[in-house]
């Protein structure tokens, strides 16, 4: 047991990897929702697709 080490960033470096992965996907989903809005002019379709993808990720 190591005292004074943060287990989030000190010892277990795999934890930040799986925490940062959804952030990249959410940024891409935002750009995709904007592209869907430009083509369809439907403000709800991109949000629905983003909500479905976030639900699947969680």
N, C-alpha and C. Protein backbone atom coordinates (compact mmCIF):
# COMPACT_ATOMS: atom_id res chain seq x y z
N UNK A 1 0.84 -1.18 0.00
CA UNK A 1 0.00 0.00 0.00
C UNK A 1 0.89 1.24 0.00
N UNK A 2 0.62 2.14 -0.93
CA UNK A 2 1.38 3.38 -1.04
C UNK A 2 0.54 4.50 -0.46
N UNK A 3 1.07 5.20 0.50
CA UNK A 3 0.33 6.30 1.11
C UNK A 3 0.66 7.60 0.40
N UNK A 4 -0.34 8.45 0.24
CA UNK A 4 -0.12 9.75 -0.36
C UNK A 4 -0.17 9.75 -1.88
N UNK A 5 -0.48 8.62 -2.51
CA UNK A 5 -0.56 8.56 -3.97
C UNK A 5 -2.04 8.60 -4.39
N UNK A 6 -2.31 9.40 -5.37
CA UNK A 6 -3.65 9.48 -5.90
C UNK A 6 -3.88 8.29 -6.82
N UNK A 7 -4.84 7.45 -6.50
CA UNK A 7 -5.06 6.25 -7.29
C UNK A 7 -5.64 6.57 -8.66
N UNK A 8 -6.19 7.77 -8.84
CA UNK A 8 -6.75 8.14 -10.14
C UNK A 8 -5.65 8.42 -11.15
N UNK A 9 -4.59 9.12 -10.72
CA UNK A 9 -3.53 9.49 -11.64
C UNK A 9 -2.17 8.94 -11.24
N UNK A 10 -2.00 8.45 -10.03
CA UNK A 10 -0.69 8.04 -9.57
C UNK A 10 -0.33 6.62 -9.92
N UNK A 11 -1.16 5.66 -9.55
CA UNK A 11 -0.79 4.26 -9.70
C UNK A 11 -1.53 3.64 -10.89
N UNK A 12 -2.83 3.76 -10.92
CA UNK A 12 -3.64 3.13 -11.94
C UNK A 12 -3.85 4.12 -13.09
N UNK A 13 -3.09 3.99 -14.15
CA UNK A 13 -3.19 4.94 -15.26
C UNK A 13 -4.25 4.54 -16.27
N UNK A 14 -4.89 3.41 -16.07
CA UNK A 14 -5.93 2.99 -17.00
C UNK A 14 -7.23 3.75 -16.74
N UNK A 15 -7.46 4.22 -15.55
CA UNK A 15 -8.70 4.92 -15.21
C UNK A 15 -8.91 6.18 -16.03
N UNK A 16 -7.93 7.08 -16.17
CA UNK A 16 -8.16 8.26 -17.00
C UNK A 16 -8.39 7.93 -18.47
N UNK A 17 -7.87 6.81 -18.93
CA UNK A 17 -8.08 6.43 -20.33
C UNK A 17 -9.54 6.20 -20.62
N UNK A 18 -10.22 5.43 -19.79
CA UNK A 18 -11.63 5.18 -20.07
C UNK A 18 -12.51 6.35 -19.69
N UNK A 19 -11.98 7.30 -18.92
CA UNK A 19 -12.76 8.51 -18.60
C UNK A 19 -12.69 9.53 -19.74
N UNK A 20 -11.60 9.54 -20.48
CA UNK A 20 -11.44 10.51 -21.55
C UNK A 20 -12.02 10.04 -22.89
N UNK A 21 -12.20 8.77 -23.06
CA UNK A 21 -12.71 8.23 -24.32
C UNK A 21 -14.10 8.77 -24.67
N UNK A 22 -15.07 8.83 -23.76
CA UNK A 22 -16.38 9.38 -24.13
C UNK A 22 -16.32 10.86 -24.49
N UNK A 23 -15.36 11.61 -23.99
CA UNK A 23 -15.29 13.02 -24.33
C UNK A 23 -14.98 13.22 -25.80
N UNK A 24 -14.12 12.40 -26.34
CA UNK A 24 -13.81 12.49 -27.77
C UNK A 24 -15.03 12.12 -28.59
N UNK A 25 -15.73 11.08 -28.19
CA UNK A 25 -16.91 10.66 -28.92
C UNK A 25 -18.02 11.70 -28.85
N UNK A 26 -18.18 12.37 -27.71
CA UNK A 26 -19.20 13.40 -27.60
C UNK A 26 -18.87 14.60 -28.47
N UNK A 27 -17.60 14.94 -28.61
CA UNK A 27 -17.22 16.03 -29.49
C UNK A 27 -17.54 15.69 -30.94
N UNK A 28 -17.30 14.45 -31.32
CA UNK A 28 -17.61 14.02 -32.68
C UNK A 28 -19.12 13.99 -32.89
N UNK A 29 -19.87 13.55 -31.90
CA UNK A 29 -21.33 13.52 -32.02
C UNK A 29 -21.90 14.93 -32.16
N UNK A 30 -21.28 15.90 -31.52
CA UNK A 30 -21.73 17.28 -31.65
C UNK A 30 -21.55 17.77 -33.08
N UNK A 31 -20.41 17.48 -33.66
CA UNK A 31 -20.18 17.89 -35.05
C UNK A 31 -21.12 17.16 -36.00
N UNK A 32 -21.39 15.91 -35.70
CA UNK A 32 -22.31 15.15 -36.53
C UNK A 32 -23.73 15.70 -36.42
N UNK A 33 -24.14 16.10 -35.22
CA UNK A 33 -25.46 16.69 -35.04
C UNK A 33 -25.59 18.00 -35.81
N UNK A 34 -24.53 18.78 -35.85
CA UNK A 34 -24.55 20.02 -36.63
C UNK A 34 -24.70 19.72 -38.12
N UNK A 35 -24.00 18.71 -38.59
CA UNK A 35 -24.09 18.35 -40.01
C UNK A 35 -25.49 17.85 -40.35
N UNK A 36 -26.10 17.08 -39.46
CA UNK A 36 -27.47 16.59 -39.69
C UNK A 36 -28.43 17.77 -39.73
N UNK A 37 -28.24 18.75 -38.87
CA UNK A 37 -29.11 19.92 -38.87
C UNK A 37 -28.97 20.72 -40.16
N UNK A 38 -27.74 20.85 -40.64
CA UNK A 38 -27.53 21.60 -41.89
C UNK A 38 -28.24 20.94 -43.07
N UNK A 39 -28.28 19.61 -43.08
CA UNK A 39 -28.89 18.91 -44.20
C UNK A 39 -30.40 18.79 -44.07
N UNK A 40 -30.91 18.60 -42.85
CA UNK A 40 -32.34 18.33 -42.69
C UNK A 40 -33.12 19.52 -42.14
N UNK A 41 -32.45 20.48 -41.52
CA UNK A 41 -33.09 21.61 -40.84
C UNK A 41 -34.04 21.15 -39.73
N UNK A 42 -33.78 19.97 -39.21
CA UNK A 42 -34.56 19.44 -38.10
C UNK A 42 -33.69 19.54 -36.84
N UNK A 43 -34.06 20.43 -35.89
CA UNK A 43 -33.20 20.60 -34.71
C UNK A 43 -33.26 19.43 -33.73
N UNK A 44 -34.22 18.54 -33.88
CA UNK A 44 -34.41 17.45 -32.92
C UNK A 44 -33.69 16.17 -33.32
N UNK A 45 -33.46 15.97 -34.60
CA UNK A 45 -32.90 14.71 -35.08
C UNK A 45 -31.49 14.49 -34.57
N UNK A 46 -30.65 15.49 -34.61
CA UNK A 46 -29.28 15.36 -34.10
C UNK A 46 -29.26 15.10 -32.60
N UNK A 47 -30.16 15.76 -31.88
CA UNK A 47 -30.25 15.54 -30.43
C UNK A 47 -30.71 14.15 -30.08
N UNK A 48 -31.64 13.63 -30.86
CA UNK A 48 -32.14 12.27 -30.61
C UNK A 48 -31.02 11.26 -30.85
N UNK A 49 -30.28 11.43 -31.94
CA UNK A 49 -29.19 10.51 -32.24
C UNK A 49 -28.11 10.60 -31.17
N UNK A 50 -27.79 11.83 -30.73
CA UNK A 50 -26.79 12.01 -29.68
C UNK A 50 -27.27 11.36 -28.38
N UNK A 51 -28.55 11.51 -28.04
CA UNK A 51 -29.08 10.90 -26.82
C UNK A 51 -29.02 9.38 -26.88
N UNK A 52 -29.30 8.82 -28.05
CA UNK A 52 -29.23 7.37 -28.19
C UNK A 52 -27.80 6.88 -28.02
N UNK A 53 -26.85 7.60 -28.63
CA UNK A 53 -25.44 7.19 -28.51
C UNK A 53 -24.92 7.32 -27.09
N UNK A 54 -25.32 8.37 -26.38
CA UNK A 54 -24.90 8.53 -24.98
C UNK A 54 -25.50 7.43 -24.11
N UNK A 55 -26.76 7.07 -24.39
CA UNK A 55 -27.40 5.99 -23.65
C UNK A 55 -26.67 4.66 -23.89
N UNK A 56 -26.26 4.42 -25.12
CA UNK A 56 -25.54 3.18 -25.42
C UNK A 56 -24.17 3.19 -24.73
N UNK A 57 -23.50 4.36 -24.71
CA UNK A 57 -22.19 4.43 -24.07
C UNK A 57 -22.28 4.21 -22.57
N UNK A 58 -23.35 4.67 -21.92
CA UNK A 58 -23.46 4.49 -20.49
C UNK A 58 -23.97 3.11 -20.17
